[in-house]
Amino acid sequence: MTHRTTFALDEATAQRLKRLAARWKVSQAEVVRRSVEQAENLKKAEVPDPAAILQALFASGGGLDLEKGNAYIAEVYEDRKHWRGE
């Protein structure tokens, strides 16, 4: 073992970790090692590209119209000024 690490988990995650360790018949540390390895090996293509999703949305005609979009941006701008006390 090269590194000993301590971290806090919520109850649901801790229970999932214990169930996986029992199902796989390995230690909880091994479950974490395998999970980190699997997450790291995910192909970038499998991770959704936000820009591509937006392009597809607008290409399909399912996006906001310009007037509604501009109104929303103006509302957010005013809200942020209010939050800052301006």
PDB file of N, CA and C in Angstrom:
ATOM      1  N   MET A   1       0.850  -1.170   0.000  1.00  0.00           N
ATOM      2  CA  MET A   1       0.000   0.000   0.000  1.00  0.00           C
ATOM      3  C   MET A   1       0.901   1.241   0.000  1.00  0.00           C
ATOM      4  N   THR A   2       0.610   2.188  -0.864  1.00  0.00           N
ATOM      5  CA  THR A   2       1.473   3.363  -0.951  1.00  0.00           C
ATOM      6  C   THR A   2       0.870   4.602  -0.315  1.00  0.00           C
ATOM      7  N   HIS A   3      -0.462   4.706  -0.289  1.00  0.00           N
ATOM      8  CA  HIS A   3      -1.109   5.891   0.292  1.00  0.00           C
ATOM      9  C   HIS A   3      -2.291   5.476   1.158  1.00  0.00           C
ATOM     10  N   ARG A   4      -2.369   6.067   2.318  1.00  0.00           N
ATOM     11  CA  ARG A   4      -3.524   5.860   3.184  1.00  0.00           C
ATOM     12  C   ARG A   4      -4.298   7.167   3.152  1.00  0.00           C
ATOM     13  N   THR A   5      -5.594   7.082   2.829  1.00  0.00           N
ATOM     14  CA  THR A   5      -6.421   8.272   2.663  1.00  0.00           C
ATOM     15  C   THR A   5      -7.678   8.155   3.504  1.00  0.00           C
ATOM     16  N   THR A   6      -8.089   9.277   4.065  1.00  0.00           N
ATOM     17  CA  THR A   6      -9.331   9.334   4.816  1.00  0.00           C
ATOM     18  C   THR A   6     -10.251  10.326   4.133  1.00  0.00           C
ATOM     19  N   PHE A   7     -11.524   9.941   3.970  1.00  0.00           N
ATOM     20  CA  PHE A   7     -12.504  10.864   3.415  1.00  0.00           C
ATOM     21  C   PHE A   7     -13.862  10.541   3.996  1.00  0.00           C
ATOM     22  N   ALA A   8     -14.755  11.509   3.923  1.00  0.00           N
ATOM     23  CA  ALA A   8     -16.097  11.347   4.498  1.00  0.00           C
ATOM     24  C   ALA A   8     -17.093  11.052   3.390  1.00  0.00           C
ATOM     25  N   LEU A   9     -18.010  10.132   3.653  1.00  0.00           N
ATOM     26  CA  LEU A   9     -19.061   9.779   2.697  1.00  0.00           C
ATOM     27  C   LEU A   9     -20.408   9.962   3.365  1.00  0.00           C
ATOM     28  N   ASP A  10     -21.403  10.331   2.578  1.00  0.00           N
ATOM     29  CA  ASP A  10     -22.755  10.362   3.123  1.00  0.00           C
ATOM     30  C   ASP A  10     -23.192   8.914   3.355  1.00  0.00           C
ATOM     31  N   GLU A  11     -24.246   8.734   4.118  1.00  0.00           N
ATOM     32  CA  GLU A  11     -24.679   7.390   4.521  1.00  0.00           C
ATOM     33  C   GLU A  11     -25.013   6.501   3.320  1.00  0.00           C
ATOM     34  N   ALA A  12     -25.715   7.068   2.332  1.00  0.00           N
ATOM     35  CA  ALA A  12     -26.119   6.269   1.172  1.00  0.00           C
ATOM     36  C   ALA A  12     -24.901   5.768   0.397  1.00  0.00           C
ATOM     37  N   THR A  13     -23.908   6.628   0.221  1.00  0.00           N
ATOM     38  CA  THR A  13     -22.702   6.230  -0.514  1.00  0.00           C
ATOM     39  C   THR A  13     -21.918   5.184   0.272  1.00  0.00           C
ATOM     40  N   ALA A  14     -21.827   5.361   1.570  1.00  0.00           N
ATOM     41  CA  ALA A  14     -21.117   4.385   2.404  1.00  0.00           C
ATOM     42  C   ALA A  14     -21.785   3.010   2.309  1.00  0.00           C
ATOM     43  N   GLN A  15     -23.111   2.978   2.296  1.00  0.00           N
ATOM     44  CA  GLN A  15     -23.823   1.715   2.175  1.00  0.00           C
ATOM     45  C   GLN A  15     -23.607   1.087   0.802  1.00  0.00           C
ATOM     46  N   ARG A  16     -23.596   1.916  -0.243  1.00  0.00           N
ATOM     47  CA  ARG A  16     -23.349   1.384  -1.586  1.00  0.00           C
ATOM     48  C   ARG A  16     -21.953   0.780  -1.671  1.00  0.00           C
ATOM     49  N   LEU A  17     -20.991   1.465  -1.074  1.00  0.00           N
ATOM     50  CA  LEU A  17     -19.612   0.979  -1.069  1.00  0.00           C
ATOM     51  C   LEU A  17     -19.532  -0.376  -0.360  1.00  0.00           C
ATOM     52  N   LYS A  18     -20.198  -0.505   0.770  1.00  0.00           N
ATOM     53  CA  LYS A  18     -20.192  -1.775   1.506  1.00  0.00           C
ATOM     54  C   LYS A  18     -20.879  -2.885   0.707  1.00  0.00           C
ATOM     55  N   ARG A  19     -22.006  -2.565   0.068  1.00  0.00           N
ATOM     56  CA  ARG A  19     -22.713  -3.584  -0.728  1.00  0.00           C
ATOM     57  C   ARG A  19     -21.869  -4.049  -1.902  1.00  0.00           C
ATOM     58  N   LEU A  20     -21.204  -3.103  -2.582  1.00  0.00           N
ATOM     59  CA  LEU A  20     -20.347  -3.498  -3.704  1.00  0.00           C
ATOM     60  C   LEU A  20     -19.183  -4.365  -3.234  1.00  0.00           C
ATOM     61  N   ALA A  21     -18.576  -3.987  -2.118  1.00  0.00           N
ATOM     62  CA  ALA A  21     -17.462  -4.776  -1.586  1.00  0.00           C
ATOM     63  C   ALA A  21     -17.917  -6.202  -1.281  1.00  0.00           C
ATOM     64  N   ALA A  22     -19.099  -6.341  -0.704  1.00  0.00           N
ATOM     65  CA  ALA A  22     -19.616  -7.679  -0.392  1.00  0.00           C
ATOM     66  C   ALA A  22     -19.934  -8.449  -1.672  1.00  0.00           C
ATOM     67  N   ARG A  23     -20.562  -7.777  -2.636  1.00  0.00           N
ATOM     68  CA  ARG A  23     -20.940  -8.442  -3.890  1.00  0.00           C
ATOM     69  C   ARG A  23     -19.707  -8.892  -4.666  1.00  0.00           C
ATOM     70  N   TRP A  24     -18.693  -8.028  -4.703  1.00  0.00           N
ATOM     71  CA  TRP A  24     -17.477  -8.350  -5.462  1.00  0.00           C
ATOM     72  C   TRP A  24     -16.498  -9.190  -4.650  1.00  0.00           C
ATOM     73  N   LYS A  25     -16.772  -9.336  -3.351  1.00  0.00           N
ATOM     74  CA  LYS A  25     -15.894 -10.083  -2.441  1.00  0.00           C
ATOM     75  C   LYS A  25     -14.484  -9.499  -2.416  1.00  0.00           C
ATOM     76  N   VAL A  26     -14.443  -8.169  -2.278  1.00  0.00           N
ATOM     77  CA  VAL A  26     -13.169  -7.446  -2.182  1.00  0.00           C
ATOM     78  C   VAL A  26     -13.304  -6.412  -1.065  1.00  0.00           C
ATOM     79  N   SER A  27     -12.200  -5.746  -0.755  1.00  0.00           N
ATOM     80  CA  SER A  27     -12.237  -4.697   0.264  1.00  0.00           C
ATOM     81  C   SER A  27     -12.904  -3.438  -0.293  1.00  0.00           C
ATOM     82  N   GLN A  28     -13.302  -2.561   0.623  1.00  0.00           N
ATOM     83  CA  GLN A  28     -13.874  -1.289   0.197  1.00  0.00           C
ATOM     84  C   GLN A  28     -12.831  -0.473  -0.576  1.00  0.00           C
ATOM     85  N   ALA A  29     -11.578  -0.578  -0.174  1.00  0.00           N
ATOM     86  CA  ALA A  29     -10.514   0.130  -0.883  1.00  0.00           C
ATOM     87  C   ALA A  29     -10.411  -0.356  -2.328  1.00  0.00           C
ATOM     88  N   GLU A  30     -10.576  -1.658  -2.532  1.00  0.00           N
ATOM     89  CA  GLU A  30     -10.529  -2.208  -3.891  1.00  0.00           C
ATOM     90  C   GLU A  30     -11.696  -1.705  -4.722  1.00  0.00           C
ATOM     91  N   VAL A  31     -12.868  -1.556  -4.105  1.00  0.00           N
ATOM     92  CA  VAL A  31     -14.021  -1.000  -4.821  1.00  0.00           C
ATOM     93  C   VAL A  31     -13.693   0.415  -5.285  1.00  0.00           C
ATOM     94  N   VAL A  32     -13.084   1.196  -4.404  1.00  0.00           N
ATOM     95  CA  VAL A  32     -12.710   2.568  -4.767  1.00  0.00           C
ATOM     96  C   VAL A  32     -11.681   2.552  -5.884  1.00  0.00           C
ATOM     97  N   ARG A  33     -10.657   1.697  -5.776  1.00  0.00           N
ATOM     98  CA  ARG A  33      -9.627   1.623  -6.823  1.00  0.00           C
ATOM     99  C   ARG A  33     -10.241   1.277  -8.174  1.00  0.00           C
ATOM    100  N   ARG A  34     -11.100   0.260  -8.188  1.00  0.00           N
ATOM    101  CA  ARG A  34     -11.726  -0.150  -9.454  1.00  0.00           C
ATOM    102  C   ARG A  34     -12.623   0.953 -10.012  1.00  0.00           C
ATOM    103  N   SER A  35     -13.353   1.611  -9.141  1.00  0.00           N
ATOM    104  CA  SER A  35     -14.264   2.670  -9.586  1.00  0.00           C
ATOM    105  C   SER A  35     -13.502   3.851 -10.164  1.00  0.00           C
ATOM    106  N   VAL A  36     -12.411   4.228  -9.514  1.00  0.00           N
ATOM    107  CA  VAL A  36     -11.592   5.342 -10.022  1.00  0.00           C
ATOM    108  C   VAL A  36     -10.993   4.970 -11.369  1.00  0.00           C
ATOM    109  N   GLU A  37     -10.496   3.739 -11.483  1.00  0.00           N
ATOM    110  CA  GLU A  37      -9.918   3.295 -12.753  1.00  0.00           C
ATOM    111  C   GLU A  37     -10.969   3.319 -13.865  1.00  0.00           C
ATOM    112  N   GLN A  38     -12.159   2.813 -13.568  1.00  0.00           N
ATOM    113  CA  GLN A  38     -13.213   2.785 -14.577  1.00  0.00           C
ATOM    114  C   GLN A  38     -13.616   4.197 -14.982  1.00  0.00           C
ATOM    115  N   ALA A  39     -13.742   5.092 -14.030  1.00  0.00           N
ATOM    116  CA  ALA A  39     -14.112   6.477 -14.339  1.00  0.00           C
ATOM    117  C   ALA A  39     -13.050   7.137 -15.202  1.00  0.00           C
ATOM    118  N   GLU A  40     -11.785   6.881 -14.898  1.00  0.00           N
ATOM    119  CA  GLU A  40     -10.690   7.474 -15.663  1.00  0.00           C
ATOM    120  C   GLU A  40     -10.634   6.927 -17.087  1.00  0.00           C
ATOM    121  N   ASN A  41     -11.026   5.667 -17.260  1.00  0.00           N
ATOM    122  CA  ASN A  41     -10.950   5.041 -18.577  1.00  0.00           C
ATOM    123  C   ASN A  41     -12.125   5.348 -19.488  1.00  0.00           C
ATOM    124  N   LEU A  42     -13.121   6.063 -18.969  1.00  0.00           N
ATOM    125  CA  LEU A  42     -14.250   6.415 -19.826  1.00  0.00           C
ATOM    126  C   LEU A  42     -13.749   7.211 -21.029  1.00  0.00           C
ATOM    127  N   LYS A  43     -14.218   6.845 -22.161  1.00  0.00           N
ATOM    128  CA  LYS A  43     -13.819   7.571 -23.360  1.00  0.00           C
ATOM    129  C   LYS A  43     -14.459   8.946 -23.346  1.00  0.00           C
ATOM    130  N   LYS A  44     -13.716   9.909 -23.818  1.00  0.00           N
ATOM    131  CA  LYS A  44     -14.233  11.267 -23.850  1.00  0.00           C
ATOM    132  C   LYS A  44     -15.495  11.343 -24.696  1.00  0.00           C
ATOM    133  N   ALA A  45     -15.604  10.510 -25.691  1.00  0.00           N
ATOM    134  CA  ALA A  45     -16.776  10.515 -26.560  1.00  0.00           C
ATOM    135  C   ALA A  45     -18.031  10.114 -25.802  1.00  0.00           C
ATOM    136  N   GLU A  46     -17.881   9.350 -24.714  1.00  0.00           N
ATOM    137  CA  GLU A  46     -19.029   8.924 -23.931  1.00  0.00           C
ATOM    138  C   GLU A  46     -19.550  10.039 -23.032  1.00  0.00           C
ATOM    139  N   VAL A  47     -18.702  11.031 -22.765  1.00  0.00           N
ATOM    140  CA  VAL A  47     -19.099  12.144 -21.928  1.00  0.00           C
ATOM    141  C   VAL A  47     -19.787  13.179 -22.816  1.00  0.00           C
ATOM    142  N   PRO A  48     -21.010  13.581 -22.469  1.00  0.00           N
ATOM    143  CA  PRO A  48     -21.732  14.528 -23.325  1.00  0.00           C
ATOM    144  C   PRO A  48     -20.959  15.839 -23.499  1.00  0.00           C
ATOM    145  N   ASP A  49     -20.945  16.337 -24.722  1.00  0.00           N
ATOM    146  CA  ASP A  49     -20.304  17.608 -25.037  1.00  0.00           C
ATOM    147  C   ASP A  49     -21.389  18.688 -24.997  1.00  0.00           C
ATOM    148  N   PRO A  50     -21.347  19.588 -24.000  1.00  0.00           N
ATOM    149  CA  PRO A  50     -22.402  20.592 -23.867  1.00  0.00           C
ATOM    150  C   PRO A  50     -22.603  21.431 -25.122  1.00  0.00           C
ATOM    151  N   ALA A  51     -21.524  21.792 -25.803  1.00  0.00           N
ATOM    152  CA  ALA A  51     -21.654  22.597 -27.018  1.00  0.00           C
ATOM    153  C   ALA A  51     -22.392  21.821 -28.108  1.00  0.00           C
ATOM    154  N   ALA A  52     -22.082  20.542 -28.249  1.00  0.00           N
ATOM    155  CA  ALA A  52     -22.750  19.723 -29.262  1.00  0.00           C
ATOM    156  C   ALA A  52     -24.235  19.552 -28.933  1.00  0.00           C
ATOM    157  N   ILE A  53     -24.539  19.420 -27.649  1.00  0.00           N
ATOM    158  CA  ILE A  53     -25.940  19.296 -27.242  1.00  0.00           C
ATOM    159  C   ILE A  53     -26.702  20.570 -27.591  1.00  0.00           C
ATOM    160  N   LEU A  54     -26.108  21.719 -27.303  1.00  0.00           N
ATOM    161  CA  LEU A  54     -26.764  22.988 -27.642  1.00  0.00           C
ATOM    162  C   LEU A  54     -26.940  23.143 -29.148  1.00  0.00           C
ATOM    163  N   GLN A  55     -25.904  22.780 -29.906  1.00  0.00           N
ATOM    164  CA  GLN A  55     -26.011  22.882 -31.364  1.00  0.00           C
ATOM    165  C   GLN A  55     -27.143  22.008 -31.885  1.00  0.00           C
ATOM    166  N   ALA A  56     -27.257  20.804 -31.368  1.00  0.00           N
ATOM    167  CA  ALA A  56     -28.325  19.905 -31.797  1.00  0.00           C
ATOM    168  C   ALA A  56     -29.693  20.457 -31.410  1.00  0.00           C
ATOM    169  N   LEU A  57     -29.786  21.046 -30.221  1.00  0.00           N
ATOM    170  CA  LEU A  57     -31.046  21.634 -29.768  1.00  0.00           C
ATOM    171  C   LEU A  57     -31.486  22.753 -30.698  1.00  0.00           C
ATOM    172  N   PHE A  58     -30.569  23.651 -31.013  1.00  0.00           N
ATOM    173  CA  PHE A  58     -30.933  24.774 -31.881  1.00  0.00           C
ATOM    174  C   PHE A  58     -31.174  24.331 -33.319  1.00  0.00           C
ATOM    175  N   ALA A  59     -30.442  23.331 -33.772  1.00  0.00           N
ATOM    176  CA  ALA A  59     -30.643  22.827 -35.134  1.00  0.00           C
ATOM    177  C   ALA A  59     -32.020  22.189 -35.281  1.00  0.00           C
ATOM    178  N   SER A  60     -32.530  21.618 -34.175  1.00  0.00           N
ATOM    179  CA  SER A  60     -33.841  20.968 -34.232  1.00  0.00           C
ATOM    180  C   SER A  60     -34.983  21.968 -34.066  1.00  0.00           C
ATOM    181  N   GLY A  61     -34.636  23.221 -33.804  1.00  0.00           N
ATOM    182  CA  GLY A  61     -35.671  24.233 -33.610  1.00  0.00           C
ATOM    183  C   GLY A  61     -36.264  24.204 -32.212  1.00  0.00           C
ATOM    184  N   GLY A  62     -35.637  23.485 -31.296  1.00  0.00           N
ATOM    185  CA  GLY A  62     -36.185  23.357 -29.949  1.00  0.00           C
ATOM    186  C   GLY A  62     -35.655  24.372 -28.963  1.00  0.00           C
ATOM    187  N   GLY A  63     -34.888  25.348 -29.422  1.00  0.00           N
ATOM    188  CA  GLY A  63     -34.301  26.327 -28.509  1.00  0.00           C
ATOM    189  C   GLY A  63     -35.242  27.481 -28.225  1.00  0.00           C
ATOM    190  N   LEU A  64     -34.827  28.348 -27.336  1.00  0.00           N
ATOM    191  CA  LEU A  64     -35.577  29.563 -27.043  1.00  0.00           C
ATOM    192  C   LEU A  64     -35.535  30.506 -28.235  1.00  0.00           C
ATOM    193  N   ASP A  65     -36.595  31.268 -28.389  1.00  0.00           N
ATOM    194  CA  ASP A  65     -36.501  32.288 -29.427  1.00  0.00           C
ATOM    195  C   ASP A  65     -35.667  33.444 -28.885  1.00  0.00           C
ATOM    196  N   LEU A  66     -35.167  34.284 -29.770  1.00  0.00           N
ATOM    197  CA  LEU A  66     -34.227  35.341 -29.406  1.00  0.00           C
ATOM    198  C   LEU A  66     -34.817  36.286 -28.373  1.00  0.00           C
ATOM    199  N   GLU A  67     -36.077  36.653 -28.519  1.00  0.00           N
ATOM    200  CA  GLU A  67     -36.707  37.605 -27.597  1.00  0.00           C
ATOM    201  C   GLU A  67     -36.765  37.033 -26.172  1.00  0.00           C
ATOM    202  N   LYS A  68     -37.171  35.771 -26.037  1.00  0.00           N
ATOM    203  CA  LYS A  68     -37.231  35.141 -24.718  1.00  0.00           C
ATOM    204  C   LYS A  68     -35.835  35.000 -24.119  1.00  0.00           C
ATOM    205  N   GLY A  69     -34.864  34.653 -24.939  1.00  0.00           N
ATOM    206  CA  GLY A  69     -33.484  34.513 -24.462  1.00  0.00           C
ATOM    207  C   GLY A  69     -32.937  35.827 -23.946  1.00  0.00           C
ATOM    208  N   ASN A  70     -33.154  36.897 -24.703  1.00  0.00           N
ATOM    209  CA  ASN A  70     -32.680  38.217 -24.280  1.00  0.00           C
ATOM    210  C   ASN A  70     -33.383  38.681 -23.008  1.00  0.00           C
ATOM    211  N   ALA A  71     -34.678  38.397 -22.878  1.00  0.00           N
ATOM    212  CA  ALA A  71     -35.417  38.768 -21.670  1.00  0.00           C
ATOM    213  C   ALA A  71     -34.866  38.024 -20.458  1.00  0.00           C
ATOM    214  N   TYR A  72     -34.539  36.752 -20.644  1.00  0.00           N
ATOM    215  CA  TYR A  72     -33.984  35.970 -19.541  1.00  0.00           C
ATOM    216  C   TYR A  72     -32.628  36.518 -19.116  1.00  0.00           C
ATOM    217  N   ILE A  73     -31.776  36.827 -20.076  1.00  0.00           N
ATOM    218  CA  ILE A  73     -30.449  37.368 -19.761  1.00  0.00           C
ATOM    219  C   ILE A  73     -30.579  38.696 -19.018  1.00  0.00           C
ATOM    220  N   ALA A  74     -31.504  39.554 -19.439  1.00  0.00           N
ATOM    221  CA  ALA A  74     -31.723  40.829 -18.767  1.00  0.00           C
ATOM    222  C   ALA A  74     -32.198  40.611 -17.329  1.00  0.00           C
ATOM    223  N   GLU A  75     -33.069  39.638 -17.132  1.00  0.00           N
ATOM    224  CA  GLU A  75     -33.572  39.340 -15.783  1.00  0.00           C
ATOM    225  C   GLU A  75     -32.442  38.860 -14.877  1.00  0.00           C
ATOM    226  N   VAL A  76     -31.611  37.976 -15.382  1.00  0.00           N
ATOM    227  CA  VAL A  76     -30.476  37.481 -14.595  1.00  0.00           C
ATOM    228  C   VAL A  76     -29.529  38.626 -14.258  1.00  0.00           C
ATOM    229  N   TYR A  77     -29.273  39.499 -15.215  1.00  0.00           N
ATOM    230  CA  TYR A  77     -28.383  40.633 -15.004  1.00  0.00           C
ATOM    231  C   TYR A  77     -28.914  41.523 -13.880  1.00  0.00           C
ATOM    232  N   GLU A  78     -30.212  41.824 -13.912  1.00  0.00           N
ATOM    233  CA  GLU A  78     -30.815  42.666 -12.877  1.00  0.00           C
ATOM    234  C   GLU A  78     -30.789  41.969 -11.518  1.00  0.00           C
ATOM    235  N   ASP A  79     -31.068  40.683 -11.489  1.00  0.00           N
ATOM    236  CA  ASP A  79     -31.022  39.940 -10.232  1.00  0.00           C
ATOM    237  C   ASP A  79     -29.626  39.954  -9.627  1.00  0.00           C
ATOM    238  N   ARG A  80     -28.624  39.797 -10.442  1.00  0.00           N
ATOM    239  CA  ARG A  80     -27.238  39.797  -9.936  1.00  0.00           C
ATOM    240  C   ARG A  80     -26.874  41.164  -9.372  1.00  0.00           C
ATOM    241  N   LYS A  81     -27.325  42.231 -10.047  1.00  0.00           N
ATOM    242  CA  LYS A  81     -27.076  43.570  -9.512  1.00  0.00           C
ATOM    243  C   LYS A  81     -27.745  43.725  -8.148  1.00  0.00           C
ATOM    244  N   HIS A  82     -28.964  43.225  -8.014  1.00  0.00           N
ATOM    245  CA  HIS A  82     -29.695  43.311  -6.745  1.00  0.00           C
ATOM    246  C   HIS A  82     -28.958  42.530  -5.655  1.00  0.00           C
ATOM    247  N   TRP A  83     -28.483  41.298  -5.967  1.00  0.00           N
ATOM    248  CA  TRP A  83     -27.780  40.488  -4.989  1.00  0.00           C
ATOM    249  C   TRP A  83     -26.503  41.167  -4.492  1.00  0.00           C
ATOM    250  N   ARG A  84     -25.875  41.893  -5.395  1.00  0.00           N
ATOM    251  CA  ARG A  84     -24.634  42.590  -5.032  1.00  0.00           C
ATOM    252  C   ARG A  84     -24.906  43.901  -4.287  1.00  0.00           C
ATOM    253  N   GLY A  85     -26.169  44.294  -4.233  1.00  0.00           N
ATOM    254  CA  GLY A  85     -26.512  45.542  -3.556  1.00  0.00           C
ATOM    255  C   GLY A  85     -26.246  46.772  -4.400  1.00  0.00           C
ATOM    256  N   GLU A  86     -26.245  46.609  -5.704  1.00  0.00           N
ATOM    257  CA  GLU A  86     -25.979  47.755  -6.607  1.00  0.00           C
ATOM    258  C   GLU A  86     -27.258  48.485  -6.920  1.00  0.00           C
TER     259      GLU A  86
END
